[in-house]
Amino acid sequence: MLDVLSFAWLHDAVSWLLAPALAALLFACAVTLVEAGIAVGERFHGLPRLGAAGDVGRVHAVARRRLERADLLARIPPMLGLMATIIPLGPGLAALGRGDPAQLASAVTVAFDATVLGLVAGIGGLVIGKLRRRWYEETLEAMEGAA
């Protein structure tokens, strides 16, 4: 039977990932806000100019790049949120086993906060992506109708 302590290095390595995951979640939330601002400007200024230029290839290229960013925002932050949710729960449950419910409460608080950050950024990316897809489809349809 393997000794549980022989895997302490694994726990240490995984615990090290919590701070970068939380930092990445905060960064993703900031990027989501920036992308929302870009999307508003794109909707009212960028897309009409792109459509008026009449270059369908350029519209496709811009759409692909911007939709990829939104898709990444919709997918990666929820995964980071899940990772940052699970990491503190191990030590928190171990602390509960030692009779320290305060440490479990702290771990659960961090876990839930990480979940919320991941969902906020992911939902923002999803909404931005869905709106952009519709806007670019409408622009391309208008360009085809004008041609």
N, C-alpha and C. Protein backbone atom coordinates (compact mmCIF):
# COMPACT_ATOMS: atom_id res chain seq x y z
N MET A 1 0.85 -1.18 0.00
CA MET A 1 0.00 0.00 0.00
C MET A 1 0.89 1.25 0.00
N LEU A 2 0.52 2.22 -0.82
CA LEU A 2 1.31 3.44 -0.92
C LEU A 2 1.04 4.35 0.27
N ASP A 3 2.08 4.93 0.73
CA ASP A 3 1.96 5.88 1.83
C ASP A 3 1.40 7.20 1.29
N VAL A 4 0.38 7.73 1.94
CA VAL A 4 -0.25 8.97 1.51
C VAL A 4 0.75 10.12 1.50
N LEU A 5 1.68 10.11 2.41
CA LEU A 5 2.67 11.19 2.49
C LEU A 5 3.64 11.19 1.32
N SER A 6 3.75 10.08 0.61
CA SER A 6 4.65 10.04 -0.53
C SER A 6 4.17 10.92 -1.67
N PHE A 7 2.92 11.36 -1.61
CA PHE A 7 2.37 12.23 -2.64
C PHE A 7 2.26 13.68 -2.18
N ALA A 8 2.96 14.02 -1.13
CA ALA A 8 2.93 15.40 -0.64
C ALA A 8 3.48 16.36 -1.68
N TRP A 9 4.44 15.94 -2.48
CA TRP A 9 5.00 16.79 -3.53
C TRP A 9 3.93 17.17 -4.55
N LEU A 10 3.01 16.24 -4.83
CA LEU A 10 1.94 16.51 -5.78
C LEU A 10 1.00 17.59 -5.25
N HIS A 11 0.67 17.46 -3.98
CA HIS A 11 -0.19 18.48 -3.36
C HIS A 11 0.50 19.84 -3.39
N ASP A 12 1.79 19.88 -3.07
CA ASP A 12 2.53 21.15 -3.11
C ASP A 12 2.54 21.75 -4.50
N ALA A 13 2.72 20.91 -5.51
CA ALA A 13 2.75 21.40 -6.89
C ALA A 13 1.39 21.96 -7.30
N VAL A 14 0.34 21.26 -6.95
CA VAL A 14 -1.01 21.71 -7.31
C VAL A 14 -1.37 22.97 -6.53
N SER A 15 -1.00 23.04 -5.27
CA SER A 15 -1.29 24.23 -4.45
C SER A 15 -0.63 25.46 -5.03
N TRP A 16 0.54 25.28 -5.64
CA TRP A 16 1.23 26.40 -6.25
C TRP A 16 0.43 27.02 -7.39
N LEU A 17 -0.46 26.25 -8.01
CA LEU A 17 -1.25 26.73 -9.15
C LEU A 17 -2.40 27.65 -8.75
N LEU A 18 -2.75 27.70 -7.47
CA LEU A 18 -3.90 28.50 -7.06
C LEU A 18 -3.69 29.99 -7.34
N ALA A 19 -2.58 30.55 -6.93
CA ALA A 19 -2.35 31.99 -7.13
C ALA A 19 -2.34 32.37 -8.61
N PRO A 20 -1.63 31.62 -9.48
CA PRO A 20 -1.70 31.97 -10.91
C PRO A 20 -3.10 31.82 -11.49
N ALA A 21 -3.85 30.83 -11.04
CA ALA A 21 -5.21 30.64 -11.55
C ALA A 21 -6.09 31.81 -11.14
N LEU A 22 -5.98 32.26 -9.90
CA LEU A 22 -6.77 33.41 -9.45
C LEU A 22 -6.36 34.69 -10.19
N ALA A 23 -5.06 34.86 -10.41
CA ALA A 23 -4.58 36.02 -11.16
C ALA A 23 -5.11 35.98 -12.60
N ALA A 24 -5.09 34.80 -13.20
CA ALA A 24 -5.61 34.66 -14.56
C ALA A 24 -7.11 34.94 -14.61
N LEU A 25 -7.84 34.56 -13.57
CA LEU A 25 -9.27 34.85 -13.52
C LEU A 25 -9.54 36.34 -13.44
N LEU A 26 -8.78 37.04 -12.61
CA LEU A 26 -8.93 38.48 -12.53
C LEU A 26 -8.59 39.15 -13.86
N PHE A 27 -7.53 38.67 -14.50
CA PHE A 27 -7.14 39.18 -15.81
C PHE A 27 -8.25 38.91 -16.84
N ALA A 28 -8.84 37.72 -16.80
CA ALA A 28 -9.92 37.37 -17.73
C ALA A 28 -11.13 38.27 -17.54
N CYS A 29 -11.44 38.61 -16.29
CA CYS A 29 -12.56 39.53 -16.05
C CYS A 29 -12.25 40.91 -16.63
N ALA A 30 -11.02 41.37 -16.47
CA ALA A 30 -10.62 42.67 -17.04
C ALA A 30 -10.68 42.63 -18.57
N VAL A 31 -10.21 41.54 -19.16
CA VAL A 31 -10.24 41.40 -20.61
C VAL A 31 -11.69 41.36 -21.11
N THR A 32 -12.56 40.73 -20.36
CA THR A 32 -13.97 40.68 -20.74
C THR A 32 -14.58 42.08 -20.77
N LEU A 33 -14.24 42.90 -19.79
CA LEU A 33 -14.73 44.29 -19.79
C LEU A 33 -14.19 45.05 -20.99
N VAL A 34 -12.91 44.88 -21.29
CA VAL A 34 -12.32 45.55 -22.45
C VAL A 34 -12.98 45.07 -23.73
N GLU A 35 -13.18 43.77 -23.86
CA GLU A 35 -13.82 43.20 -25.05
C GLU A 35 -15.25 43.71 -25.20
N ALA A 36 -15.96 43.89 -24.09
CA ALA A 36 -17.32 44.43 -24.16
C ALA A 36 -17.29 45.85 -24.72
N GLY A 37 -16.33 46.64 -24.27
CA GLY A 37 -16.19 48.00 -24.80
C GLY A 37 -15.82 48.00 -26.28
N ILE A 38 -14.93 47.11 -26.66
CA ILE A 38 -14.55 47.00 -28.07
C ILE A 38 -15.76 46.58 -28.91
N ALA A 39 -16.55 45.66 -28.37
CA ALA A 39 -17.72 45.17 -29.10
C ALA A 39 -18.74 46.29 -29.33
N VAL A 40 -18.92 47.15 -28.34
CA VAL A 40 -19.85 48.27 -28.51
C VAL A 40 -19.35 49.21 -29.61
N GLY A 41 -18.07 49.54 -29.56
CA GLY A 41 -17.50 50.39 -30.61
C GLY A 41 -17.56 49.73 -31.98
N GLU A 42 -17.33 48.43 -31.98
CA GLU A 42 -17.38 47.66 -33.22
C GLU A 42 -18.78 47.70 -33.82
N ARG A 43 -19.78 47.55 -32.97
CA ARG A 43 -21.16 47.50 -33.44
C ARG A 43 -21.59 48.81 -34.07
N PHE A 44 -21.24 49.92 -33.44
CA PHE A 44 -21.74 51.21 -33.90
C PHE A 44 -20.81 51.95 -34.85
N HIS A 45 -19.53 51.57 -34.89
CA HIS A 45 -18.59 52.30 -35.74
C HIS A 45 -17.81 51.37 -36.68
N GLY A 46 -17.26 50.30 -36.15
CA GLY A 46 -16.39 49.44 -36.95
C GLY A 46 -17.11 48.65 -38.03
N LEU A 47 -18.21 48.02 -37.68
CA LEU A 47 -18.93 47.19 -38.66
C LEU A 47 -19.54 48.01 -39.79
N PRO A 48 -20.15 49.17 -39.51
CA PRO A 48 -20.65 49.95 -40.65
C PRO A 48 -19.53 50.36 -41.62
N ARG A 49 -18.35 50.69 -41.07
CA ARG A 49 -17.22 51.05 -41.94
C ARG A 49 -16.73 49.84 -42.74
N LEU A 50 -16.64 48.68 -42.06
CA LEU A 50 -16.21 47.48 -42.76
C LEU A 50 -17.19 47.11 -43.88
N GLY A 51 -18.47 47.21 -43.58
CA GLY A 51 -19.49 46.89 -44.59
C GLY A 51 -19.46 47.86 -45.75
N ALA A 52 -19.25 49.13 -45.46
CA ALA A 52 -19.21 50.15 -46.52
C ALA A 52 -18.00 49.97 -47.42
N ALA A 53 -16.91 49.43 -46.88
CA ALA A 53 -15.71 49.23 -47.68
C ALA A 53 -15.93 48.15 -48.75
N GLY A 54 -16.84 47.22 -48.49
CA GLY A 54 -17.19 46.22 -49.48
C GLY A 54 -16.22 45.07 -49.63
N ASP A 55 -15.27 44.93 -48.75
CA ASP A 55 -14.28 43.85 -48.83
C ASP A 55 -14.73 42.69 -47.95
N VAL A 56 -15.36 41.70 -48.57
CA VAL A 56 -15.91 40.56 -47.84
C VAL A 56 -14.80 39.77 -47.17
N GLY A 57 -13.67 39.61 -47.84
CA GLY A 57 -12.55 38.89 -47.26
C GLY A 57 -12.04 39.54 -45.99
N ARG A 58 -11.98 40.85 -45.98
CA ARG A 58 -11.54 41.59 -44.80
C ARG A 58 -12.54 41.39 -43.65
N VAL A 59 -13.83 41.42 -43.95
CA VAL A 59 -14.86 41.21 -42.92
C VAL A 59 -14.70 39.82 -42.32
N HIS A 60 -14.48 38.81 -43.17
CA HIS A 60 -14.29 37.44 -42.68
C HIS A 60 -13.06 37.34 -41.78
N ALA A 61 -11.97 37.99 -42.17
CA ALA A 61 -10.73 37.93 -41.39
C ALA A 61 -10.91 38.60 -40.03
N VAL A 62 -11.51 39.77 -40.02
CA VAL A 62 -11.74 40.49 -38.76
C VAL A 62 -12.69 39.70 -37.87
N ALA A 63 -13.75 39.16 -38.46
CA ALA A 63 -14.72 38.37 -37.70
C ALA A 63 -14.07 37.15 -37.07
N ARG A 64 -13.25 36.45 -37.84
CA ARG A 64 -12.61 35.25 -37.32
C ARG A 64 -11.73 35.57 -36.11
N ARG A 65 -10.95 36.63 -36.22
CA ARG A 65 -10.04 37.01 -35.13
C ARG A 65 -10.82 37.42 -33.87
N ARG A 66 -11.84 38.22 -34.06
CA ARG A 66 -12.60 38.71 -32.90
C ARG A 66 -13.48 37.62 -32.29
N LEU A 67 -13.99 36.75 -33.11
CA LEU A 67 -14.80 35.65 -32.57
C LEU A 67 -13.94 34.63 -31.84
N GLU A 68 -12.72 34.43 -32.30
CA GLU A 68 -11.81 33.53 -31.58
C GLU A 68 -11.51 34.06 -30.19
N ARG A 69 -11.30 35.37 -30.07
CA ARG A 69 -11.05 35.95 -28.74
C ARG A 69 -12.25 35.75 -27.83
N ALA A 70 -13.43 36.00 -28.35
CA ALA A 70 -14.64 35.82 -27.54
C ALA A 70 -14.83 34.36 -27.15
N ASP A 71 -14.54 33.45 -28.08
CA ASP A 71 -14.68 32.02 -27.78
C ASP A 71 -13.71 31.58 -26.69
N LEU A 72 -12.48 32.10 -26.74
CA LEU A 72 -11.51 31.78 -25.69
C LEU A 72 -12.00 32.30 -24.33
N LEU A 73 -12.57 33.50 -24.34
CA LEU A 73 -13.10 34.05 -23.08
C LEU A 73 -14.28 33.24 -22.56
N ALA A 74 -15.04 32.67 -23.45
CA ALA A 74 -16.19 31.87 -23.02
C ALA A 74 -15.78 30.52 -22.46
N ARG A 75 -14.62 30.01 -22.87
CA ARG A 75 -14.24 28.65 -22.48
C ARG A 75 -13.19 28.57 -21.38
N ILE A 76 -12.16 29.38 -21.46
CA ILE A 76 -11.03 29.23 -20.54
C ILE A 76 -11.34 29.69 -19.11
N PRO A 77 -11.93 30.87 -18.89
CA PRO A 77 -12.18 31.27 -17.49
C PRO A 77 -13.03 30.30 -16.68
N PRO A 78 -14.08 29.69 -17.23
CA PRO A 78 -14.79 28.71 -16.41
C PRO A 78 -13.91 27.52 -16.01
N MET A 79 -13.01 27.10 -16.89
CA MET A 79 -12.09 26.01 -16.53
C MET A 79 -11.13 26.45 -15.44
N LEU A 80 -10.61 27.67 -15.55
CA LEU A 80 -9.74 28.19 -14.50
C LEU A 80 -10.50 28.33 -13.19
N GLY A 81 -11.76 28.75 -13.28
CA GLY A 81 -12.58 28.87 -12.08
C GLY A 81 -12.78 27.54 -11.40
N LEU A 82 -13.00 26.50 -12.20
CA LEU A 82 -13.14 25.16 -11.62
C LEU A 82 -11.84 24.72 -10.96
N MET A 83 -10.73 24.98 -11.64
CA MET A 83 -9.44 24.61 -11.07
C MET A 83 -9.20 25.34 -9.75
N ALA A 84 -9.48 26.64 -9.74
CA ALA A 84 -9.28 27.42 -8.52
C ALA A 84 -10.35 27.13 -7.47
N THR A 85 -11.38 26.43 -7.84
CA THR A 85 -12.38 25.98 -6.87
C THR A 85 -11.91 24.72 -6.16
N ILE A 86 -11.36 23.81 -6.92
CA ILE A 86 -10.99 22.51 -6.38
C ILE A 86 -9.71 22.58 -5.54
N ILE A 87 -8.75 23.39 -5.97
CA ILE A 87 -7.44 23.41 -5.30
C ILE A 87 -7.54 23.71 -3.80
N PRO A 88 -8.27 24.74 -3.35
CA PRO A 88 -8.30 25.01 -1.91
C PRO A 88 -9.17 24.05 -1.11
N LEU A 89 -10.01 23.29 -1.78
CA LEU A 89 -10.90 22.39 -1.03
C LEU A 89 -10.15 21.22 -0.39
N GLY A 90 -9.08 20.75 -1.01
CA GLY A 90 -8.30 19.64 -0.43
C GLY A 90 -7.76 20.01 0.94
N PRO A 91 -6.99 21.10 1.04
CA PRO A 91 -6.51 21.49 2.36
C PRO A 91 -7.64 21.85 3.33
N GLY A 92 -8.72 22.41 2.80
CA GLY A 92 -9.85 22.76 3.67
C GLY A 92 -10.49 21.53 4.28
N LEU A 93 -10.67 20.49 3.48
CA LEU A 93 -11.24 19.24 4.01
C LEU A 93 -10.28 18.55 4.97
N ALA A 94 -8.99 18.64 4.66
CA ALA A 94 -7.99 18.07 5.58
C ALA A 94 -8.04 18.80 6.92
N ALA A 95 -8.22 20.13 6.88
CA ALA A 95 -8.31 20.91 8.11
C ALA A 95 -9.55 20.53 8.91
N LEU A 96 -10.64 20.27 8.20
CA LEU A 96 -11.86 19.84 8.90
C LEU A 96 -11.61 18.52 9.62
N GLY A 97 -10.87 17.63 8.98
CA GLY A 97 -10.52 16.35 9.62
C GLY A 97 -9.67 16.54 10.87
N ARG A 98 -8.91 17.64 10.92
CA ARG A 98 -8.11 17.94 12.11
C ARG A 98 -8.89 18.76 13.13
N GLY A 99 -10.15 19.08 12.81
CA GLY A 99 -10.97 19.83 13.75
C GLY A 99 -10.83 21.34 13.61
N ASP A 100 -10.50 21.84 12.41
CA ASP A 100 -10.33 23.27 12.19
C ASP A 100 -11.33 23.75 11.13
N PRO A 101 -12.60 23.96 11.53
CA PRO A 101 -13.61 24.37 10.56
C PRO A 101 -13.37 25.77 10.01
N ALA A 102 -12.63 26.60 10.72
CA ALA A 102 -12.35 27.95 10.23
C ALA A 102 -11.53 27.91 8.94
N GLN A 103 -10.57 26.99 8.87
CA GLN A 103 -9.76 26.88 7.66
C GLN A 103 -10.61 26.34 6.50
N LEU A 104 -11.53 25.44 6.79
CA LEU A 104 -12.44 24.96 5.75
C LEU A 104 -13.31 26.11 5.25
N ALA A 105 -13.81 26.92 6.16
CA ALA A 105 -14.64 28.06 5.76
C ALA A 105 -13.86 29.01 4.85
N SER A 106 -12.62 29.25 5.18
CA SER A 106 -11.77 30.11 4.35
C SER A 106 -11.56 29.49 2.97
N ALA A 107 -11.29 28.20 2.94
CA ALA A 107 -11.06 27.51 1.67
C ALA A 107 -12.32 27.53 0.80
N VAL A 108 -13.47 27.32 1.41
CA VAL A 108 -14.73 27.32 0.66
C VAL A 108 -15.02 28.71 0.12
N THR A 109 -14.70 29.74 0.88
CA THR A 109 -14.90 31.12 0.41
C THR A 109 -14.05 31.39 -0.83
N VAL A 110 -12.79 31.01 -0.78
CA VAL A 110 -11.92 31.18 -1.95
C VAL A 110 -12.47 30.37 -3.12
N ALA A 111 -12.92 29.16 -2.86
CA ALA A 111 -13.43 28.30 -3.92
C ALA A 111 -14.66 28.93 -4.59
N PHE A 112 -15.60 29.43 -3.81
CA PHE A 112 -16.79 30.02 -4.39
C PHE A 112 -16.48 31.32 -5.13
N ASP A 113 -15.57 32.11 -4.58
CA ASP A 113 -15.17 33.35 -5.28
C ASP A 113 -14.54 33.04 -6.63
N ALA A 114 -13.71 32.01 -6.68
CA ALA A 114 -13.08 31.62 -7.94
C ALA A 114 -14.13 31.15 -8.94
N THR A 115 -15.12 30.41 -8.46
CA THR A 115 -16.19 29.95 -9.34
C THR A 115 -16.93 31.13 -9.95
N VAL A 116 -17.25 32.09 -9.12
CA VAL A 116 -17.99 33.27 -9.60
C VAL A 116 -17.16 34.04 -10.63
N LEU A 117 -15.88 34.26 -10.36
CA LEU A 117 -15.04 34.97 -11.32
C LEU A 117 -14.98 34.24 -12.66
N GLY A 118 -14.83 32.93 -12.62
CA GLY A 118 -14.79 32.15 -13.85
C GLY A 118 -16.08 32.23 -14.63
N LEU A 119 -17.19 32.18 -13.92
CA LEU A 119 -18.49 32.26 -14.60
C LEU A 119 -18.75 33.65 -15.15
N VAL A 120 -18.39 34.69 -14.42
CA VAL A 120 -18.60 36.06 -14.90
C VAL A 120 -17.84 36.29 -16.21
N ALA A 121 -16.57 35.93 -16.22
CA ALA A 121 -15.77 36.11 -17.44
C ALA A 121 -16.29 35.22 -18.57
N GLY A 122 -16.65 33.97 -18.25
CA GLY A 122 -17.15 33.06 -19.27
C GLY A 122 -18.48 33.50 -19.86
N ILE A 123 -19.39 33.96 -19.01
CA ILE A 123 -20.68 34.45 -19.49
C ILE A 123 -20.47 35.68 -20.36
N GLY A 124 -19.60 36.58 -19.93
CA GLY A 124 -19.30 37.76 -20.74
C GLY A 124 -18.76 37.38 -22.10
N GLY A 125 -17.83 36.44 -22.14
CA GLY A 125 -17.28 35.99 -23.42
C GLY A 125 -18.33 35.34 -24.30
N LEU A 126 -19.21 34.56 -23.69
CA LEU A 126 -20.27 33.90 -24.44
C LEU A 126 -21.23 34.92 -25.06
N VAL A 127 -21.65 35.90 -24.27
CA VAL A 127 -22.57 36.92 -24.77
C VAL A 127 -21.91 37.74 -25.88
N ILE A 128 -20.68 38.16 -25.65
CA ILE A 128 -19.96 38.94 -26.66
C ILE A 128 -19.83 38.13 -27.95
N GLY A 129 -19.48 36.86 -27.83
CA GLY A 129 -19.33 36.01 -29.02
C GLY A 129 -20.64 35.84 -29.78
N LYS A 130 -21.72 35.60 -29.06
CA LYS A 130 -23.03 35.42 -29.72
C LYS A 130 -23.45 36.70 -30.45
N LEU A 131 -23.29 37.84 -29.78
CA LEU A 131 -23.65 39.10 -30.42
C LEU A 131 -22.79 39.38 -31.64
N ARG A 132 -21.48 39.16 -31.49
CA ARG A 132 -20.58 39.40 -32.63
C ARG A 132 -20.94 38.50 -33.82
N ARG A 133 -21.22 37.25 -33.56
CA ARG A 133 -21.60 36.36 -34.67
C ARG A 133 -22.80 36.91 -35.42
N ARG A 134 -23.80 37.34 -34.67
CA ARG A 134 -25.00 37.87 -35.32
C ARG A 134 -24.67 39.14 -36.09
N TRP A 135 -23.88 40.04 -35.48
CA TRP A 135 -23.54 41.30 -36.15
C TRP A 135 -22.76 41.06 -37.43
N TYR A 136 -21.80 40.15 -37.40
CA TYR A 136 -21.01 39.88 -38.61
C TYR A 136 -21.86 39.19 -39.67
N GLU A 137 -22.75 38.30 -39.27
CA GLU A 137 -23.64 37.67 -40.25
C GLU A 137 -24.54 38.71 -40.90
N GLU A 138 -25.08 39.63 -40.11
CA GLU A 138 -25.92 40.69 -40.66
C GLU A 138 -25.13 41.58 -41.62
N THR A 139 -23.90 41.89 -41.26
CA THR A 139 -23.06 42.73 -42.12
C THR A 139 -22.78 42.02 -43.44
N LEU A 140 -22.42 40.74 -43.37
CA LEU A 140 -22.13 39.98 -44.59
C LEU A 140 -23.38 39.82 -45.46
N GLU A 141 -24.53 39.59 -44.84
CA GLU A 141 -25.78 39.49 -45.60
C GLU A 141 -26.10 40.81 -46.29
N ALA A 142 -25.89 41.93 -45.59
CA ALA A 142 -26.14 43.24 -46.21
C ALA A 142 -25.17 43.49 -47.36
N MET A 143 -23.91 43.06 -47.19
CA MET A 143 -22.94 43.25 -48.28
C MET A 143 -23.31 42.39 -49.49
N GLU A 144 -23.77 41.16 -49.25
CA GLU A 144 -24.18 40.30 -50.37
C GLU A 144 -25.42 40.84 -51.05
N GLY A 145 -26.35 41.41 -50.26
CA GLY A 145 -27.57 41.98 -50.83
C GLY A 145 -27.28 43.22 -51.66
N ALA A 146 -26.26 43.98 -51.27
CA ALA A 146 -25.91 45.19 -52.02
C ALA A 146 -25.14 44.86 -53.29
N ALA A 147 -24.55 43.68 -53.35
CA ALA A 147 -23.72 43.33 -54.52
C ALA A 147 -24.52 42.83 -55.69
